[in-house]
Each structure stands twice: as structure tokens, then as C-alpha cells.
Amino acid sequence: MTDNHLGQYDQEEVWELIYNQFLDVYEKNHSSYKKLKKLHASLKLKFLNLQKEHEVLIKDHSILESSQMTLLYEFYALNKKYFELTDEHNSLKSLHVEV
């Protein structure tokens, strides 16, 4: 009967050790989970801020692209006017030489 009692005592110690190890692993996992949850929230916030910044940059790009096209059309118009004036100048020059 004493052997049975000692066996039961040893078994309780084993279960207590297993329980303590399990509890230690659980606490470490829980701590890691909390850290990961905070990291996830932080990264999500950064991602949302980057999305907003991206939208602003897309709008700015669109405005710049529109301005670029406007300037390009103005350049073509001025270039056309320049060639017209050059032709007119050359024809006046030739008339002046003839006179």
C-alpha cells in the first residue's frame, strides 16, 4: 500500500511538472500572440496611411499629366506659329531682296 501511495505521489508530481510546462508554453504563446496582434495593428495602420498617400499621389499624377498635355498642346501651337512666322519672314525677306 505504501508503494501505491508513493506511485500516486510521483504521478501527481509528473502531472504538476507537465501542467507547469504547459502553462509556461501557453504564457509564451499568449505573449507572442499579443505582440503579433500589436504588430498587425501597427502594420495595418501604416498600410492604411500608405493607401491614402497613394491616392493623393495618383491624383497629383493625374493633375500633372493633364498639365503636361496642356503644355504640350501649347507648345505645338507655338511651334506652328513659329514656322508660320518664319515662312512669312522668309517671304518678306525675299520680297525685300527683289525690290
N, C-alpha and C. Protein backbone atom coordinates (compact mmCIF):
# COMPACT_ATOMS: atom_id res chain seq x y z
N MET A 1 0.81 -1.18 0.00
CA MET A 1 0.00 0.00 0.00
C MET A 1 0.86 1.26 0.00
N THR A 2 2.00 1.19 0.65
CA THR A 2 2.91 2.33 0.62
C THR A 2 3.47 2.56 -0.78
N ASP A 3 3.71 1.46 -1.51
CA ASP A 3 4.20 1.61 -2.89
C ASP A 3 3.14 2.30 -3.75
N ASN A 4 1.90 1.92 -3.54
CA ASN A 4 0.81 2.52 -4.29
C ASN A 4 0.71 4.01 -3.96
N HIS A 5 0.89 4.33 -2.69
CA HIS A 5 0.82 5.72 -2.26
C HIS A 5 1.98 6.52 -2.86
N LEU A 6 3.19 5.96 -2.89
CA LEU A 6 4.35 6.63 -3.48
C LEU A 6 4.16 6.79 -4.99
N GLY A 7 3.61 5.78 -5.62
CA GLY A 7 3.34 5.85 -7.06
C GLY A 7 2.37 6.97 -7.38
N GLN A 8 1.37 7.11 -6.53
CA GLN A 8 0.39 8.17 -6.74
C GLN A 8 1.04 9.54 -6.53
N TYR A 9 1.92 9.63 -5.55
CA TYR A 9 2.62 10.88 -5.27
C TYR A 9 3.52 11.25 -6.45
N ASP A 10 4.24 10.27 -6.97
CA ASP A 10 5.10 10.51 -8.13
C ASP A 10 4.26 10.94 -9.34
N GLN A 11 3.12 10.32 -9.50
CA GLN A 11 2.26 10.65 -10.63
C GLN A 11 1.75 12.09 -10.51
N GLU A 12 1.42 12.50 -9.29
CA GLU A 12 0.98 13.88 -9.08
C GLU A 12 2.09 14.87 -9.40
N GLU A 13 3.33 14.53 -9.03
CA GLU A 13 4.48 15.38 -9.36
C GLU A 13 4.67 15.48 -10.86
N VAL A 14 4.53 14.35 -11.54
CA VAL A 14 4.68 14.33 -13.00
C VAL A 14 3.61 15.21 -13.64
N TRP A 15 2.37 15.05 -13.18
CA TRP A 15 1.28 15.87 -13.74
C TRP A 15 1.50 17.35 -13.44
N GLU A 16 2.01 17.65 -12.26
CA GLU A 16 2.28 19.04 -11.92
C GLU A 16 3.38 19.61 -12.81
N LEU A 17 4.43 18.83 -13.05
CA LEU A 17 5.50 19.27 -13.95
C LEU A 17 4.97 19.50 -15.36
N ILE A 18 4.17 18.54 -15.83
CA ILE A 18 3.59 18.67 -17.17
C ILE A 18 2.70 19.90 -17.24
N TYR A 19 1.88 20.08 -16.20
CA TYR A 19 0.99 21.23 -16.16
C TYR A 19 1.79 22.53 -16.16
N ASN A 20 2.85 22.60 -15.36
CA ASN A 20 3.68 23.80 -15.30
C ASN A 20 4.36 24.09 -16.64
N GLN A 21 4.83 23.03 -17.29
CA GLN A 21 5.44 23.20 -18.62
C GLN A 21 4.40 23.69 -19.62
N PHE A 22 3.23 23.09 -19.55
CA PHE A 22 2.15 23.50 -20.44
C PHE A 22 1.79 24.97 -20.20
N LEU A 23 1.69 25.34 -18.93
CA LEU A 23 1.36 26.71 -18.57
C LEU A 23 2.43 27.68 -19.08
N ASP A 24 3.70 27.29 -18.95
CA ASP A 24 4.81 28.11 -19.43
C ASP A 24 4.73 28.30 -20.95
N VAL A 25 4.47 27.21 -21.67
CA VAL A 25 4.33 27.28 -23.13
C VAL A 25 3.14 28.16 -23.49
N TYR A 26 2.04 27.98 -22.79
CA TYR A 26 0.83 28.78 -23.05
C TYR A 26 1.12 30.27 -22.85
N GLU A 27 1.79 30.62 -21.75
CA GLU A 27 2.09 32.03 -21.47
C GLU A 27 3.00 32.62 -22.54
N LYS A 28 3.99 31.84 -22.98
CA LYS A 28 4.88 32.32 -24.04
C LYS A 28 4.10 32.52 -25.35
N ASN A 29 3.25 31.56 -25.67
CA ASN A 29 2.44 31.68 -26.89
C ASN A 29 1.49 32.87 -26.81
N HIS A 30 0.89 33.05 -25.64
CA HIS A 30 -0.04 34.16 -25.46
C HIS A 30 0.70 35.50 -25.59
N SER A 31 1.89 35.57 -25.00
CA SER A 31 2.70 36.79 -25.09
C SER A 31 3.08 37.06 -26.55
N SER A 32 3.48 36.02 -27.27
CA SER A 32 3.82 36.17 -28.69
C SER A 32 2.60 36.60 -29.48
N TYR A 33 1.46 36.03 -29.17
CA TYR A 33 0.22 36.39 -29.86
C TYR A 33 -0.11 37.86 -29.66
N LYS A 34 0.04 38.34 -28.40
CA LYS A 34 -0.25 39.75 -28.12
C LYS A 34 0.70 40.66 -28.89
N LYS A 35 1.98 40.27 -28.95
CA LYS A 35 2.96 41.07 -29.69
C LYS A 35 2.61 41.09 -31.18
N LEU A 36 2.26 39.93 -31.71
CA LEU A 36 1.89 39.84 -33.13
C LEU A 36 0.62 40.64 -33.42
N LYS A 37 -0.31 40.63 -32.48
CA LYS A 37 -1.55 41.38 -32.65
C LYS A 37 -1.26 42.88 -32.70
N LYS A 38 -0.36 43.35 -31.81
CA LYS A 38 0.04 44.76 -31.81
C LYS A 38 0.76 45.10 -33.11
N LEU A 39 1.65 44.21 -33.54
CA LEU A 39 2.38 44.43 -34.79
C LEU A 39 1.42 44.49 -35.97
N HIS A 40 0.44 43.60 -35.97
CA HIS A 40 -0.56 43.58 -37.05
C HIS A 40 -1.32 44.90 -37.08
N ALA A 41 -1.74 45.39 -35.92
CA ALA A 41 -2.47 46.65 -35.85
C ALA A 41 -1.60 47.81 -36.35
N SER A 42 -0.34 47.80 -35.96
CA SER A 42 0.58 48.85 -36.39
C SER A 42 0.80 48.80 -37.90
N LEU A 43 1.00 47.60 -38.43
CA LEU A 43 1.20 47.45 -39.88
C LEU A 43 -0.05 47.81 -40.66
N LYS A 44 -1.21 47.47 -40.09
CA LYS A 44 -2.47 47.81 -40.76
C LYS A 44 -2.63 49.32 -40.84
N LEU A 45 -2.28 50.02 -39.76
CA LEU A 45 -2.36 51.48 -39.73
C LEU A 45 -1.40 52.08 -40.75
N LYS A 46 -0.18 51.55 -40.80
CA LYS A 46 0.80 52.03 -41.79
C LYS A 46 0.28 51.78 -43.20
N PHE A 47 -0.31 50.62 -43.42
CA PHE A 47 -0.84 50.27 -44.74
C PHE A 47 -1.95 51.24 -45.14
N LEU A 48 -2.85 51.55 -44.21
CA LEU A 48 -3.93 52.50 -44.50
C LEU A 48 -3.38 53.88 -44.82
N ASN A 49 -2.35 54.30 -44.08
CA ASN A 49 -1.73 55.60 -44.36
C ASN A 49 -1.06 55.59 -45.73
N LEU A 50 -0.42 54.48 -46.07
CA LEU A 50 0.21 54.37 -47.39
C LEU A 50 -0.84 54.37 -48.50
N GLN A 51 -1.98 53.75 -48.24
CA GLN A 51 -3.06 53.76 -49.23
C GLN A 51 -3.56 55.19 -49.47
N LYS A 52 -3.73 55.95 -48.38
CA LYS A 52 -4.17 57.34 -48.51
C LYS A 52 -3.13 58.16 -49.28
N GLU A 53 -1.86 57.95 -48.93
CA GLU A 53 -0.79 58.66 -49.62
C GLU A 53 -0.76 58.28 -51.11
N HIS A 54 -1.00 57.02 -51.39
CA HIS A 54 -1.03 56.54 -52.77
C HIS A 54 -2.16 57.22 -53.55
N GLU A 55 -3.32 57.34 -52.94
CA GLU A 55 -4.45 58.01 -53.59
C GLU A 55 -4.12 59.47 -53.90
N VAL A 56 -3.46 60.14 -52.95
CA VAL A 56 -3.07 61.53 -53.16
C VAL A 56 -2.07 61.62 -54.31
N LEU A 57 -1.11 60.69 -54.33
CA LEU A 57 -0.11 60.69 -55.40
C LEU A 57 -0.74 60.41 -56.76
N ILE A 58 -1.74 59.54 -56.79
CA ILE A 58 -2.43 59.26 -58.05
C ILE A 58 -3.14 60.52 -58.55
N LYS A 59 -3.80 61.24 -57.63
CA LYS A 59 -4.48 62.49 -58.01
C LYS A 59 -3.46 63.51 -58.52
N ASP A 60 -2.35 63.65 -57.78
CA ASP A 60 -1.30 64.58 -58.20
C ASP A 60 -0.76 64.20 -59.58
N HIS A 61 -0.55 62.91 -59.79
CA HIS A 61 -0.05 62.43 -61.07
C HIS A 61 -1.03 62.77 -62.18
N SER A 62 -2.29 62.59 -61.92
CA SER A 62 -3.32 62.89 -62.91
C SER A 62 -3.32 64.38 -63.25
N ILE A 63 -3.19 65.22 -62.23
CA ILE A 63 -3.14 66.68 -62.45
C ILE A 63 -1.90 67.04 -63.26
N LEU A 64 -0.76 66.45 -62.89
CA LEU A 64 0.48 66.73 -63.62
C LEU A 64 0.40 66.26 -65.07
N GLU A 65 -0.20 65.10 -65.26
CA GLU A 65 -0.34 64.57 -66.61
C GLU A 65 -1.24 65.48 -67.46
N SER A 66 -2.31 65.96 -66.86
CA SER A 66 -3.21 66.88 -67.55
C SER A 66 -2.48 68.19 -67.89
N SER A 67 -1.72 68.71 -66.94
CA SER A 67 -0.95 69.93 -67.17
C SER A 67 0.09 69.72 -68.26
N GLN A 68 0.71 68.56 -68.24
CA GLN A 68 1.71 68.24 -69.26
C GLN A 68 1.07 68.24 -70.65
N MET A 69 -0.11 67.65 -70.78
CA MET A 69 -0.79 67.61 -72.07
C MET A 69 -1.16 69.02 -72.52
N THR A 70 -1.63 69.85 -71.59
CA THR A 70 -1.97 71.24 -71.92
C THR A 70 -0.74 71.98 -72.42
N LEU A 71 0.38 71.81 -71.71
CA LEU A 71 1.62 72.46 -72.13
C LEU A 71 2.11 71.94 -73.47
N LEU A 72 1.92 70.65 -73.70
CA LEU A 72 2.32 70.06 -74.98
C LEU A 72 1.50 70.65 -76.12
N TYR A 73 0.19 70.80 -75.93
CA TYR A 73 -0.66 71.41 -76.96
C TYR A 73 -0.26 72.87 -77.20
N GLU A 74 0.05 73.59 -76.12
CA GLU A 74 0.50 74.97 -76.26
C GLU A 74 1.82 75.02 -77.03
N PHE A 75 2.71 74.08 -76.73
CA PHE A 75 3.99 74.02 -77.43
C PHE A 75 3.77 73.78 -78.92
N TYR A 76 2.90 72.83 -79.26
CA TYR A 76 2.63 72.55 -80.67
C TYR A 76 2.04 73.79 -81.36
N ALA A 77 1.14 74.49 -80.69
CA ALA A 77 0.54 75.70 -81.26
C ALA A 77 1.61 76.78 -81.47
N LEU A 78 2.47 76.97 -80.47
CA LEU A 78 3.53 77.97 -80.59
C LEU A 78 4.54 77.58 -81.66
N ASN A 79 4.83 76.29 -81.74
CA ASN A 79 5.76 75.80 -82.75
C ASN A 79 5.20 76.04 -84.15
N LYS A 80 3.90 75.78 -84.32
CA LYS A 80 3.23 76.01 -85.60
C LYS A 80 3.28 77.50 -85.94
N LYS A 81 2.99 78.34 -84.94
CA LYS A 81 3.03 79.79 -85.14
C LYS A 81 4.44 80.23 -85.51
N TYR A 82 5.44 79.65 -84.87
CA TYR A 82 6.84 79.98 -85.17
C TYR A 82 7.16 79.67 -86.64
N PHE A 83 6.77 78.49 -87.12
CA PHE A 83 7.04 78.13 -88.51
C PHE A 83 6.28 79.04 -89.48
N GLU A 84 5.06 79.40 -89.12
CA GLU A 84 4.30 80.33 -89.96
C GLU A 84 5.00 81.69 -90.04
N LEU A 85 5.46 82.18 -88.88
CA LEU A 85 6.17 83.47 -88.85
C LEU A 85 7.51 83.38 -89.58
N THR A 86 8.18 82.24 -89.45
CA THR A 86 9.44 82.05 -90.16
C THR A 86 9.22 82.07 -91.67
N ASP A 87 8.17 81.37 -92.11
CA ASP A 87 7.84 81.38 -93.54
C ASP A 87 7.50 82.80 -94.00
N GLU A 88 6.71 83.51 -93.21
CA GLU A 88 6.34 84.88 -93.56
C GLU A 88 7.57 85.77 -93.61
N HIS A 89 8.46 85.59 -92.65
CA HIS A 89 9.70 86.36 -92.60
C HIS A 89 10.55 86.08 -93.84
N ASN A 90 10.66 84.80 -94.19
CA ASN A 90 11.45 84.43 -95.36
C ASN A 90 10.85 85.00 -96.65
N SER A 91 9.53 84.97 -96.76
CA SER A 91 8.90 85.52 -97.96
C SER A 91 9.07 87.04 -98.02
N LEU A 92 8.97 87.71 -96.86
CA LEU A 92 9.20 89.16 -96.83
C LEU A 92 10.66 89.49 -97.15
N LYS A 93 11.54 88.64 -96.68
CA LYS A 93 12.97 88.82 -96.93
C LYS A 93 13.24 88.70 -98.44
N SER A 94 12.62 87.70 -99.06
CA SER A 94 12.82 87.51 -100.50
C SER A 94 12.22 88.68 -101.29
N LEU A 95 11.09 89.22 -100.83
CA LEU A 95 10.49 90.39 -101.47
C LEU A 95 11.40 91.61 -101.32
N HIS A 96 12.00 91.74 -100.17
CA HIS A 96 12.88 92.86 -99.90
C HIS A 96 14.13 92.78 -100.78
N VAL A 97 14.64 91.59 -100.99
CA VAL A 97 15.82 91.40 -101.82
C VAL A 97 15.48 91.74 -103.27
N GLU A 98 14.27 91.38 -103.70
CA GLU A 98 13.86 91.64 -105.07
C GLU A 98 13.65 93.13 -105.32
N VAL A 99 13.24 93.87 -104.33
CA VAL A 99 12.94 95.29 -104.51
C VAL A 99 14.19 96.05 -104.56
